[in-house]
Amino acid sequence: MQVKDLISKFGLAERAISTEGRLRTVEGGYSSDVLSQVMAHAKPGYVWLTVQTHENIVAVASLLDLACILVCQREVPEETCERARTEGVTILWTPRSNFEMSGLLYQSLHDRQ
């Protein structure tokens, strides 16, 4: 599954994305709002589900080479989106809860196996 498939399947809004970002392969997902926990456990190619919206999420996603950040229920400030665009990090948004999106993503990734 690619990021573009997630966008269309779940009606996700794009806050910062490039052509390359749309084509990233999603390898799994990780849900946490604690940046140090994400750095310790998320893997390259994962979708990171969070409610965090400050600019530091971009640095974490870039460091780990995540497929994208999926922000749940909170609007992402423009300065965070601008930093993501500059660093080539994809940020998506949904009005759904982190709990709901985690379940949907898990099911979707495991259905394809």
PDB file of N, CA and C in Angstrom:
ATOM      1  N   MET A   1       0.847  -1.169   0.000  1.00  0.00           N
ATOM      2  CA  MET A   1       0.000   0.000   0.000  1.00  0.00           C
ATOM      3  C   MET A   1       0.898   1.239   0.000  1.00  0.00           C
ATOM      4  N   GLN A   2       0.491   2.225  -0.759  1.00  0.00           N
ATOM      5  CA  GLN A   2       1.225   3.483  -0.820  1.00  0.00           C
ATOM      6  C   GLN A   2       0.442   4.574  -0.080  1.00  0.00           C
ATOM      7  N   VAL A   3       1.124   5.657   0.219  1.00  0.00           N
ATOM      8  CA  VAL A   3       0.489   6.775   0.912  1.00  0.00           C
ATOM      9  C   VAL A   3      -0.732   7.258   0.139  1.00  0.00           C
ATOM     10  N   LYS A   4      -0.640   7.321  -1.187  1.00  0.00           N
ATOM     11  CA  LYS A   4      -1.784   7.779  -1.991  1.00  0.00           C
ATOM     12  C   LYS A   4      -3.003   6.879  -1.802  1.00  0.00           C
ATOM     13  N   ASP A   5      -2.768   5.585  -1.553  1.00  0.00           N
ATOM     14  CA  ASP A   5      -3.867   4.656  -1.305  1.00  0.00           C
ATOM     15  C   ASP A   5      -4.535   4.949   0.033  1.00  0.00           C
ATOM     16  N   LEU A   6      -3.742   5.287   1.036  1.00  0.00           N
ATOM     17  CA  LEU A   6      -4.300   5.673   2.336  1.00  0.00           C
ATOM     18  C   LEU A   6      -5.172   6.915   2.197  1.00  0.00           C
ATOM     19  N   ILE A   7      -4.669   7.877   1.448  1.00  0.00           N
ATOM     20  CA  ILE A   7      -5.402   9.134   1.256  1.00  0.00           C
ATOM     21  C   ILE A   7      -6.772   8.870   0.652  1.00  0.00           C
ATOM     22  N   SER A   8      -6.806   8.077  -0.410  1.00  0.00           N
ATOM     23  CA  SER A   8      -8.090   7.829  -1.074  1.00  0.00           C
ATOM     24  C   SER A   8      -8.977   6.890  -0.272  1.00  0.00           C
ATOM     25  N   LYS A   9      -8.410   5.874   0.341  1.00  0.00           N
ATOM     26  CA  LYS A   9      -9.219   4.904   1.084  1.00  0.00           C
ATOM     27  C   LYS A   9      -9.902   5.515   2.308  1.00  0.00           C
ATOM     28  N   PHE A  10      -9.189   6.422   3.005  1.00  0.00           N
ATOM     29  CA  PHE A  10      -9.723   6.970   4.247  1.00  0.00           C
ATOM     30  C   PHE A  10     -10.107   8.441   4.150  1.00  0.00           C
ATOM     31  N   GLY A  11     -10.035   9.027   2.956  1.00  0.00           N
ATOM     32  CA  GLY A  11     -10.418  10.422   2.771  1.00  0.00           C
ATOM     33  C   GLY A  11      -9.569  11.379   3.580  1.00  0.00           C
ATOM     34  N   LEU A  12      -8.269  11.123   3.615  1.00  0.00           N
ATOM     35  CA  LEU A  12      -7.366  11.953   4.404  1.00  0.00           C
ATOM     36  C   LEU A  12      -7.071  13.267   3.690  1.00  0.00           C
ATOM     37  N   ALA A  13      -6.918  14.314   4.463  1.00  0.00           N
ATOM     38  CA  ALA A  13      -6.567  15.623   3.910  1.00  0.00           C
ATOM     39  C   ALA A  13      -5.058  15.757   3.862  1.00  0.00           C
ATOM     40  N   GLU A  14      -4.573  16.377   2.813  1.00  0.00           N
ATOM     41  CA  GLU A  14      -3.142  16.582   2.631  1.00  0.00           C
ATOM     42  C   GLU A  14      -2.759  17.948   3.184  1.00  0.00           C
ATOM     43  N   ARG A  15      -1.826  17.966   4.113  1.00  0.00           N
ATOM     44  CA  ARG A  15      -1.338  19.229   4.672  1.00  0.00           C
ATOM     45  C   ARG A  15       0.037  19.569   4.108  1.00  0.00           C
ATOM     46  N   ALA A  16       0.847  18.565   3.843  1.00  0.00           N
ATOM     47  CA  ALA A  16       2.168  18.753   3.222  1.00  0.00           C
ATOM     48  C   ALA A  16       2.500  17.441   2.527  1.00  0.00           C
ATOM     49  N   ILE A  17       2.692  17.500   1.203  1.00  0.00           N
ATOM     50  CA  ILE A  17       2.966  16.261   0.469  1.00  0.00           C
ATOM     51  C   ILE A  17       3.608  16.596  -0.875  1.00  0.00           C
ATOM     52  N   SER A  18       4.414  15.688  -1.355  1.00  0.00           N
ATOM     53  CA  SER A  18       5.041  15.827  -2.664  1.00  0.00           C
ATOM     54  C   SER A  18       4.643  14.617  -3.506  1.00  0.00           C
ATOM     55  N   THR A  19       5.003  14.653  -4.770  1.00  0.00           N
ATOM     56  CA  THR A  19       4.741  13.505  -5.638  1.00  0.00           C
ATOM     57  C   THR A  19       5.426  12.267  -5.088  1.00  0.00           C
ATOM     58  N   GLU A  20       6.674  12.419  -4.643  1.00  0.00           N
ATOM     59  CA  GLU A  20       7.402  11.287  -4.073  1.00  0.00           C
ATOM     60  C   GLU A  20       6.721  10.786  -2.800  1.00  0.00           C
ATOM     61  N   GLY A  21       6.197  11.734  -2.010  1.00  0.00           N
ATOM     62  CA  GLY A  21       5.508  11.371  -0.773  1.00  0.00           C
ATOM     63  C   GLY A  21       4.280  10.521  -1.017  1.00  0.00           C
ATOM     64  N   ARG A  22       3.546  10.813  -2.090  1.00  0.00           N
ATOM     65  CA  ARG A  22       2.354  10.030  -2.437  1.00  0.00           C
ATOM     66  C   ARG A  22       2.697   8.587  -2.776  1.00  0.00           C
ATOM     67  N   LEU A  23       3.903   8.399  -3.301  1.00  0.00           N
ATOM     68  CA  LEU A  23       4.303   7.071  -3.781  1.00  0.00           C
ATOM     69  C   LEU A  23       5.053   6.253  -2.743  1.00  0.00           C
ATOM     70  N   ARG A  24       5.273   6.812  -1.554  1.00  0.00           N
ATOM     71  CA  ARG A  24       5.968   6.061  -0.502  1.00  0.00           C
ATOM     72  C   ARG A  24       5.171   4.825  -0.137  1.00  0.00           C
ATOM     73  N   THR A  25       5.852   3.735   0.061  1.00  0.00           N
ATOM     74  CA  THR A  25       5.222   2.496   0.498  1.00  0.00           C
ATOM     75  C   THR A  25       5.069   2.522   2.010  1.00  0.00           C
ATOM     76  N   VAL A  26       3.889   2.140   2.473  1.00  0.00           N
ATOM     77  CA  VAL A  26       3.603   2.083   3.899  1.00  0.00           C
ATOM     78  C   VAL A  26       3.960   0.682   4.391  1.00  0.00           C
ATOM     79  N   GLU A  27       4.898   0.623   5.324  1.00  0.00           N
ATOM     80  CA  GLU A  27       5.382  -0.653   5.858  1.00  0.00           C
ATOM     81  C   GLU A  27       4.687  -1.060   7.153  1.00  0.00           C
ATOM     82  N   GLY A  28       4.057  -0.115   7.809  1.00  0.00           N
ATOM     83  CA  GLY A  28       3.412  -0.371   9.093  1.00  0.00           C
ATOM     84  C   GLY A  28       2.977   0.952   9.687  1.00  0.00           C
ATOM     85  N   GLY A  29       2.664   0.930  10.962  1.00  0.00           N
ATOM     86  CA  GLY A  29       2.235   2.144  11.620  1.00  0.00           C
ATOM     87  C   GLY A  29       2.646   2.158  13.072  1.00  0.00           C
ATOM     88  N   TYR A  30       2.701   3.357  13.626  1.00  0.00           N
ATOM     89  CA  TYR A  30       3.017   3.518  15.040  1.00  0.00           C
ATOM     90  C   TYR A  30       2.208   4.688  15.571  1.00  0.00           C
ATOM     91  N   SER A  31       1.603   4.501  16.729  1.00  0.00           N
ATOM     92  CA  SER A  31       0.747   5.514  17.323  1.00  0.00           C
ATOM     93  C   SER A  31       1.298   5.935  18.678  1.00  0.00           C
ATOM     94  N   SER A  32       1.679   7.196  18.781  1.00  0.00           N
ATOM     95  CA  SER A  32       2.164   7.744  20.052  1.00  0.00           C
ATOM     96  C   SER A  32       2.255   9.258  19.926  1.00  0.00           C
ATOM     97  N   ASP A  33       2.134   9.915  21.074  1.00  0.00           N
ATOM     98  CA  ASP A  33       2.301  11.360  21.125  1.00  0.00           C
ATOM     99  C   ASP A  33       3.594  11.746  21.836  1.00  0.00           C
ATOM    100  N   VAL A  34       4.374  10.752  22.241  1.00  0.00           N
ATOM    101  CA  VAL A  34       5.642  10.983  22.928  1.00  0.00           C
ATOM    102  C   VAL A  34       6.765  10.806  21.911  1.00  0.00           C
ATOM    103  N   LEU A  35       7.425  11.903  21.569  1.00  0.00           N
ATOM    104  CA  LEU A  35       8.428  11.877  20.502  1.00  0.00           C
ATOM    105  C   LEU A  35       9.551  10.888  20.773  1.00  0.00           C
ATOM    106  N   SER A  36      10.028  10.801  21.999  1.00  0.00           N
ATOM    107  CA  SER A  36      11.111   9.862  22.313  1.00  0.00           C
ATOM    108  C   SER A  36      10.663   8.419  22.137  1.00  0.00           C
ATOM    109  N   GLN A  37       9.408   8.141  22.407  1.00  0.00           N
ATOM    110  CA  GLN A  37       8.873   6.794  22.210  1.00  0.00           C
ATOM    111  C   GLN A  37       8.806   6.465  20.720  1.00  0.00           C
ATOM    112  N   VAL A  38       8.403   7.425  19.909  1.00  0.00           N
ATOM    113  CA  VAL A  38       8.355   7.239  18.464  1.00  0.00           C
ATOM    114  C   VAL A  38       9.767   6.980  17.938  1.00  0.00           C
ATOM    115  N   MET A  39      10.732   7.769  18.403  1.00  0.00           N
ATOM    116  CA  MET A  39      12.117   7.587  17.948  1.00  0.00           C
ATOM    117  C   MET A  39      12.659   6.215  18.330  1.00  0.00           C
ATOM    118  N   ALA A  40      12.202   5.672  19.432  1.00  0.00           N
ATOM    119  CA  ALA A  40      12.687   4.368  19.890  1.00  0.00           C
ATOM    120  C   ALA A  40      12.010   3.192  19.196  1.00  0.00           C
ATOM    121  N   HIS A  41      10.780   3.378  18.712  1.00  0.00           N
ATOM    122  CA  HIS A  41      10.012   2.217  18.241  1.00  0.00           C
ATOM    123  C   HIS A  41       9.506   2.264  16.804  1.00  0.00           C
ATOM    124  N   ALA A  42       9.314   3.431  16.225  1.00  0.00           N
ATOM    125  CA  ALA A  42       8.822   3.505  14.845  1.00  0.00           C
ATOM    126  C   ALA A  42       9.939   3.110  13.887  1.00  0.00           C
ATOM    127  N   LYS A  43       9.562   2.596  12.748  1.00  0.00           N
ATOM    128  CA  LYS A  43      10.518   2.111  11.744  1.00  0.00           C
ATOM    129  C   LYS A  43      10.371   2.898  10.436  1.00  0.00           C
ATOM    130  N   PRO A  44      11.416   2.901   9.619  1.00  0.00           N
ATOM    131  CA  PRO A  44      11.307   3.552   8.305  1.00  0.00           C
ATOM    132  C   PRO A  44      10.109   2.996   7.523  1.00  0.00           C
ATOM    133  N   GLY A  45       9.388   3.886   6.871  1.00  0.00           N
ATOM    134  CA  GLY A  45       8.231   3.484   6.085  1.00  0.00           C
ATOM    135  C   GLY A  45       6.932   3.399   6.865  1.00  0.00           C
ATOM    136  N   TYR A  46       6.975   3.662   8.156  1.00  0.00           N
ATOM    137  CA  TYR A  46       5.759   3.616   8.973  1.00  0.00           C
ATOM    138  C   TYR A  46       4.950   4.906   8.821  1.00  0.00           C
ATOM    139  N   VAL A  47       3.658   4.782   9.066  1.00  0.00           N
ATOM    140  CA  VAL A  47       2.769   5.926   9.266  1.00  0.00           C
ATOM    141  C   VAL A  47       2.793   6.211  10.761  1.00  0.00           C
ATOM    142  N   TRP A  48       3.017   7.461  11.123  1.00  0.00           N
ATOM    143  CA  TRP A  48       2.997   7.854  12.529  1.00  0.00           C
ATOM    144  C   TRP A  48       1.686   8.562  12.805  1.00  0.00           C
ATOM    145  N   LEU A  49       0.864   7.978  13.678  1.00  0.00           N
ATOM    146  CA  LEU A  49      -0.406   8.573  14.081  1.00  0.00           C
ATOM    147  C   LEU A  49      -0.194   9.329  15.384  1.00  0.00           C
ATOM    148  N   THR A  50      -0.618  10.599  15.420  1.00  0.00           N
ATOM    149  CA  THR A  50      -0.376  11.446  16.572  1.00  0.00           C
ATOM    150  C   THR A  50      -1.386  12.591  16.628  1.00  0.00           C
ATOM    151  N   VAL A  51      -1.419  13.252  17.784  1.00  0.00           N
ATOM    152  CA  VAL A  51      -2.152  14.512  17.906  1.00  0.00           C
ATOM    153  C   VAL A  51      -1.176  15.676  18.058  1.00  0.00           C
ATOM    154  N   GLN A  52       0.111  15.383  18.069  1.00  0.00           N
ATOM    155  CA  GLN A  52       1.128  16.437  18.149  1.00  0.00           C
ATOM    156  C   GLN A  52       1.153  17.230  16.848  1.00  0.00           C
ATOM    157  N   THR A  53       1.345  18.532  16.958  1.00  0.00           N
ATOM    158  CA  THR A  53       1.336  19.363  15.754  1.00  0.00           C
ATOM    159  C   THR A  53       2.497  20.351  15.684  1.00  0.00           C
ATOM    160  N   HIS A  54       3.388  20.348  16.666  1.00  0.00           N
ATOM    161  CA  HIS A  54       4.489  21.302  16.646  1.00  0.00           C
ATOM    162  C   HIS A  54       5.551  20.871  15.636  1.00  0.00           C
ATOM    163  N   GLU A  55       6.443  21.765  15.309  1.00  0.00           N
ATOM    164  CA  GLU A  55       7.426  21.528  14.256  1.00  0.00           C
ATOM    165  C   GLU A  55       8.358  20.345  14.530  1.00  0.00           C
ATOM    166  N   ASN A  56       8.529  19.966  15.772  1.00  0.00           N
ATOM    167  CA  ASN A  56       9.430  18.856  16.091  1.00  0.00           C
ATOM    168  C   ASN A  56       8.971  17.523  15.501  1.00  0.00           C
ATOM    169  N   ILE A  57       7.692  17.399  15.176  1.00  0.00           N
ATOM    170  CA  ILE A  57       7.230  16.143  14.567  1.00  0.00           C
ATOM    171  C   ILE A  57       7.879  15.934  13.201  1.00  0.00           C
ATOM    172  N   VAL A  58       8.162  17.034  12.528  1.00  0.00           N
ATOM    173  CA  VAL A  58       8.802  16.960  11.207  1.00  0.00           C
ATOM    174  C   VAL A  58      10.219  16.414  11.357  1.00  0.00           C
ATOM    175  N   ALA A  59      10.947  16.887  12.350  1.00  0.00           N
ATOM    176  CA  ALA A  59      12.312  16.413  12.580  1.00  0.00           C
ATOM    177  C   ALA A  59      12.333  14.924  12.891  1.00  0.00           C
ATOM    178  N   VAL A  60      11.405  14.471  13.703  1.00  0.00           N
ATOM    179  CA  VAL A  60      11.344  13.048  14.054  1.00  0.00           C
ATOM    180  C   VAL A  60      11.031  12.210  12.815  1.00  0.00           C
ATOM    181  N   ALA A  61      10.050  12.627  12.043  1.00  0.00           N
ATOM    182  CA  ALA A  61       9.673  11.879  10.834  1.00  0.00           C
ATOM    183  C   ALA A  61      10.816  11.833   9.829  1.00  0.00           C
ATOM    184  N   SER A  62      11.528  12.923   9.696  1.00  0.00           N
ATOM    185  CA  SER A  62      12.662  12.976   8.773  1.00  0.00           C
ATOM    186  C   SER A  62      13.794  12.073   9.254  1.00  0.00           C
ATOM    187  N   LEU A  63      14.101  12.147  10.534  1.00  0.00           N
ATOM    188  CA  LEU A  63      15.161  11.328  11.122  1.00  0.00           C
ATOM    189  C   LEU A  63      14.903   9.834  10.924  1.00  0.00           C
ATOM    190  N   LEU A  64      13.646   9.425  11.072  1.00  0.00           N
ATOM    191  CA  LEU A  64      13.288   8.010  10.989  1.00  0.00           C
ATOM    192  C   LEU A  64      12.897   7.555   9.585  1.00  0.00           C
ATOM    193  N   ASP A  65      12.831   8.490   8.640  1.00  0.00           N
ATOM    194  CA  ASP A  65      12.406   8.187   7.272  1.00  0.00           C
ATOM    195  C   ASP A  65      11.013   7.546   7.251  1.00  0.00           C
ATOM    196  N   LEU A  66      10.088   8.158   7.989  1.00  0.00           N
ATOM    197  CA  LEU A  66       8.711   7.661   8.037  1.00  0.00           C
ATOM    198  C   LEU A  66       8.001   7.937   6.722  1.00  0.00           C
ATOM    199  N   ALA A  67       7.031   7.097   6.380  1.00  0.00           N
ATOM    200  CA  ALA A  67       6.254   7.302   5.156  1.00  0.00           C
ATOM    201  C   ALA A  67       5.440   8.579   5.253  1.00  0.00           C
ATOM    202  N   CYS A  68       4.868   8.842   6.429  1.00  0.00           N
ATOM    203  CA  CYS A  68       4.091  10.059   6.638  1.00  0.00           C
ATOM    204  C   CYS A  68       3.717  10.196   8.101  1.00  0.00           C
ATOM    205  N   ILE A  69       3.264  11.393   8.430  1.00  0.00           N
ATOM    206  CA  ILE A  69       2.666  11.682   9.731  1.00  0.00           C
ATOM    207  C   ILE A  69       1.172  11.837   9.488  1.00  0.00           C
ATOM    208  N   LEU A  70       0.361  11.178  10.302  1.00  0.00           N
ATOM    209  CA  LEU A  70      -1.087  11.341  10.228  1.00  0.00           C
ATOM    210  C   LEU A  70      -1.553  11.981  11.529  1.00  0.00           C
ATOM    211  N   VAL A  71      -1.922  13.253  11.442  1.00  0.00           N
ATOM    212  CA  VAL A  71      -2.396  13.991  12.601  1.00  0.00           C
ATOM    213  C   VAL A  71      -3.902  13.777  12.717  1.00  0.00           C
ATOM    214  N   CYS A  72      -4.314  13.368  13.905  1.00  0.00           N
ATOM    215  CA  CYS A  72      -5.726  13.066  14.164  1.00  0.00           C
ATOM    216  C   CYS A  72      -6.367  14.165  15.000  1.00  0.00           C
ATOM    217  N   GLN A  73      -7.463  14.697  14.501  1.00  0.00           N
ATOM    218  CA  GLN A  73      -8.378  15.600  15.203  1.00  0.00           C
ATOM    219  C   GLN A  73      -7.866  16.994  15.521  1.00  0.00           C
ATOM    220  N   ARG A  74      -6.606  17.300  15.333  1.00  0.00           N
ATOM    221  CA  ARG A  74      -6.086  18.634  15.634  1.00  0.00           C
ATOM    222  C   ARG A  74      -5.549  19.259  14.364  1.00  0.00           C
ATOM    223  N   GLU A  75      -5.845  20.519  14.164  1.00  0.00           N
ATOM    224  CA  GLU A  75      -5.339  21.221  12.986  1.00  0.00           C
ATOM    225  C   GLU A  75      -3.839  21.420  13.096  1.00  0.00           C
ATOM    226  N   VAL A  76      -3.180  21.321  11.966  1.00  0.00           N
ATOM    227  CA  VAL A  76      -1.728  21.464  11.911  1.00  0.00           C
ATOM    228  C   VAL A  76      -1.385  22.914  11.573  1.00  0.00           C
ATOM    229  N   PRO A  77      -0.568  23.573  12.405  1.00  0.00           N
ATOM    230  CA  PRO A  77      -0.208  24.965  12.115  1.00  0.00           C
ATOM    231  C   PRO A  77       0.549  25.089  10.796  1.00  0.00           C
ATOM    232  N   GLU A  78       0.380  26.213  10.147  1.00  0.00           N
ATOM    233  CA  GLU A  78       1.029  26.434   8.854  1.00  0.00           C
ATOM    234  C   GLU A  78       2.549  26.351   8.956  1.00  0.00           C
ATOM    235  N   GLU A  79       3.116  26.826  10.065  1.00  0.00           N
ATOM    236  CA  GLU A  79       4.577  26.762  10.190  1.00  0.00           C
ATOM    237  C   GLU A  79       5.090  25.319  10.230  1.00  0.00           C
ATOM    238  N   THR A  80       4.307  24.417  10.791  1.00  0.00           N
ATOM    239  CA  THR A  80       4.678  22.995  10.785  1.00  0.00           C
ATOM    240  C   THR A  80       4.573  22.441   9.373  1.00  0.00           C
ATOM    241  N   CYS A  81       3.515  22.800   8.669  1.00  0.00           N
ATOM    242  CA  CYS A  81       3.340  22.346   7.281  1.00  0.00           C
ATOM    243  C   CYS A  81       4.451  22.881   6.389  1.00  0.00           C
ATOM    244  N   GLU A  82       4.817  24.128   6.590  1.00  0.00           N
ATOM    245  CA  GLU A  82       5.879  24.722   5.778  1.00  0.00           C
ATOM    246  C   GLU A  82       7.213  24.015   6.023  1.00  0.00           C
ATOM    247  N   ARG A  83       7.513  23.731   7.260  1.00  0.00           N
ATOM    248  CA  ARG A  83       8.757  22.997   7.560  1.00  0.00           C
ATOM    249  C   ARG A  83       8.721  21.613   6.929  1.00  0.00           C
ATOM    250  N   ALA A  84       7.571  20.957   6.977  1.00  0.00           N
ATOM    251  CA  ALA A  84       7.437  19.629   6.360  1.00  0.00           C
ATOM    252  C   ALA A  84       7.678  19.702   4.859  1.00  0.00           C
ATOM    253  N   ARG A  85       7.108  20.704   4.206  1.00  0.00           N
ATOM    254  CA  ARG A  85       7.326  20.863   2.766  1.00  0.00           C
ATOM    255  C   ARG A  85       8.809  21.070   2.459  1.00  0.00           C
ATOM    256  N   THR A  86       9.460  21.894   3.249  1.00  0.00           N
ATOM    257  CA  THR A  86      10.885  22.173   3.064  1.00  0.00           C
ATOM    258  C   THR A  86      11.727  20.908   3.227  1.00  0.00           C
ATOM    259  N   GLU A  87      11.371  20.065   4.189  1.00  0.00           N
ATOM    260  CA  GLU A  87      12.154  18.861   4.484  1.00  0.00           C
ATOM    261  C   GLU A  87      11.654  17.616   3.751  1.00  0.00           C
ATOM    262  N   GLY A  88      10.599  17.757   2.958  1.00  0.00           N
ATOM    263  CA  GLY A  88      10.094  16.621   2.195  1.00  0.00           C
ATOM    264  C   GLY A  88       9.369  15.584   3.028  1.00  0.00           C
ATOM    265  N   VAL A  89       8.737  16.028   4.106  1.00  0.00           N
ATOM    266  CA  VAL A  89       7.983  15.139   4.995  1.00  0.00           C
ATOM    267  C   VAL A  89       6.496  15.296   4.688  1.00  0.00           C
ATOM    268  N   THR A  90       5.804  14.191   4.578  1.00  0.00           N
ATOM    269  CA  THR A  90       4.370  14.207   4.295  1.00  0.00           C
ATOM    270  C   THR A  90       3.569  14.277   5.589  1.00  0.00           C
ATOM    271  N   ILE A  91       2.643  15.236   5.649  1.00  0.00           N
ATOM    272  CA  ILE A  91       1.705  15.339   6.769  1.00  0.00           C
ATOM    273  C   ILE A  91       0.295  15.220   6.208  1.00  0.00           C
ATOM    274  N   LEU A  92      -0.451  14.293   6.778  1.00  0.00           N
ATOM    275  CA  LEU A  92      -1.855  14.095   6.437  1.00  0.00           C
ATOM    276  C   LEU A  92      -2.692  14.415   7.671  1.00  0.00           C
ATOM    277  N   TRP A  93      -3.985  14.645   7.464  1.00  0.00           N
ATOM    278  CA  TRP A  93      -4.874  15.008   8.567  1.00  0.00           C
ATOM    279  C   TRP A  93      -6.202  14.277   8.433  1.00  0.00           C
ATOM    280  N   THR A  94      -6.785  13.951   9.591  1.00  0.00           N
ATOM    281  CA  THR A  94      -8.114  13.350   9.628  1.00  0.00           C
ATOM    282  C   THR A  94      -8.884  13.879  10.835  1.00  0.00           C
ATOM    283  N   PRO A  95     -10.207  14.011  10.699  1.00  0.00           N
ATOM    284  CA  PRO A  95     -11.009  14.392  11.854  1.00  0.00           C
ATOM    285  C   PRO A  95     -11.272  13.191  12.777  1.00  0.00           C
ATOM    286  N   ARG A  96     -10.926  11.995  12.314  1.00  0.00           N
ATOM    287  CA  ARG A  96     -11.139  10.788  13.122  1.00  0.00           C
ATOM    288  C   ARG A  96     -10.182  10.758  14.316  1.00  0.00           C
ATOM    289  N   SER A  97     -10.550   9.965  15.317  1.00  0.00           N
ATOM    290  CA  SER A  97      -9.689   9.815  16.489  1.00  0.00           C
ATOM    291  C   SER A  97      -8.486   8.937  16.163  1.00  0.00           C
ATOM    292  N   ASN A  98      -7.465   9.064  16.973  1.00  0.00           N
ATOM    293  CA  ASN A  98      -6.269   8.240  16.840  1.00  0.00           C
ATOM    294  C   ASN A  98      -6.647   6.769  17.003  1.00  0.00           C
ATOM    295  N   PHE A  99      -7.522   6.459  17.925  1.00  0.00           N
ATOM    296  CA  PHE A  99      -7.976   5.090  18.159  1.00  0.00           C
ATOM    297  C   PHE A  99      -8.631   4.504  16.904  1.00  0.00           C
ATOM    298  N   GLU A 100      -9.546   5.262  16.321  1.00  0.00           N
ATOM    299  CA  GLU A 100     -10.242   4.786  15.130  1.00  0.00           C
ATOM    300  C   GLU A 100      -9.272   4.587  13.961  1.00  0.00           C
ATOM    301  N   MET A 101      -8.402   5.576  13.721  1.00  0.00           N
ATOM    302  CA  MET A 101      -7.473   5.475  12.594  1.00  0.00           C
ATOM    303  C   MET A 101      -6.460   4.352  12.799  1.00  0.00           C
ATOM    304  N   SER A 102      -6.042   4.133  14.021  1.00  0.00           N
ATOM    305  CA  SER A 102      -5.112   3.029  14.290  1.00  0.00           C
ATOM    306  C   SER A 102      -5.748   1.703  13.909  1.00  0.00           C
ATOM    307  N   GLY A 103      -7.003   1.518  14.281  1.00  0.00           N
ATOM    308  CA  GLY A 103      -7.708   0.286  13.940  1.00  0.00           C
ATOM    309  C   GLY A 103      -7.901   0.127  12.442  1.00  0.00           C
ATOM    310  N   LEU A 104      -8.295   1.207  11.779  1.00  0.00           N
ATOM    311  CA  LEU A 104      -8.502   1.150  10.332  1.00  0.00           C
ATOM    312  C   LEU A 104      -7.199   0.864   9.593  1.00  0.00           C
ATOM    313  N   LEU A 105      -6.124   1.519  10.005  1.00  0.00           N
ATOM    314  CA  LEU A 105      -4.825   1.303   9.366  1.00  0.00           C
ATOM    315  C   LEU A 105      -4.338  -0.120   9.604  1.00  0.00           C
ATOM    316  N   TYR A 106      -4.451  -0.585  10.823  1.00  0.00           N
ATOM    317  CA  TYR A 106      -4.029  -1.951  11.150  1.00  0.00           C
ATOM    318  C   TYR A 106      -4.784  -2.957  10.282  1.00  0.00           C
ATOM    319  N   GLN A 107      -6.090  -2.823  10.225  1.00  0.00           N
ATOM    320  CA  GLN A 107      -6.916  -3.745   9.442  1.00  0.00           C
ATOM    321  C   GLN A 107      -6.545  -3.687   7.963  1.00  0.00           C
ATOM    322  N   SER A 108      -6.362  -2.493   7.455  1.00  0.00           N
ATOM    323  CA  SER A 108      -6.039  -2.317   6.048  1.00  0.00           C
ATOM    324  C   SER A 108      -4.691  -2.936   5.693  1.00  0.00           C
ATOM    325  N   LEU A 109      -3.700  -2.749   6.539  1.00  0.00           N
ATOM    326  CA  LEU A 109      -2.374  -3.311   6.268  1.00  0.00           C
ATOM    327  C   LEU A 109      -2.365  -4.834   6.397  1.00  0.00           C
ATOM    328  N   HIS A 110      -3.155  -5.367   7.296  1.00  0.00           N
ATOM    329  CA  HIS A 110      -3.177  -6.819   7.493  1.00  0.00           C
ATOM    330  C   HIS A 110      -4.087  -7.541   6.496  1.00  0.00           C
ATOM    331  N   ASP A 111      -5.034  -6.822   5.906  1.00  0.00           N
ATOM    332  CA  ASP A 111      -5.892  -7.417   4.858  1.00  0.00           C
ATOM    333  C   ASP A 111      -5.120  -7.723   3.616  1.00  0.00           C
ATOM    334  N   ARG A 112      -4.041  -6.975   3.357  1.00  0.00           N
ATOM    335  CA  ARG A 112      -3.285  -7.164   2.120  1.00  0.00           C
ATOM    336  C   ARG A 112      -2.301  -8.316   2.203  1.00  0.00           C
ATOM    337  N   GLN A 113      -2.099  -8.879   3.384  1.00  0.00           N
ATOM    338  CA  GLN A 113      -1.132  -9.976   3.521  1.00  0.00           C
ATOM    339  C   GLN A 113      -1.724 -11.309   3.182  1.00  0.00           C
TER     340      GLN A 113
END
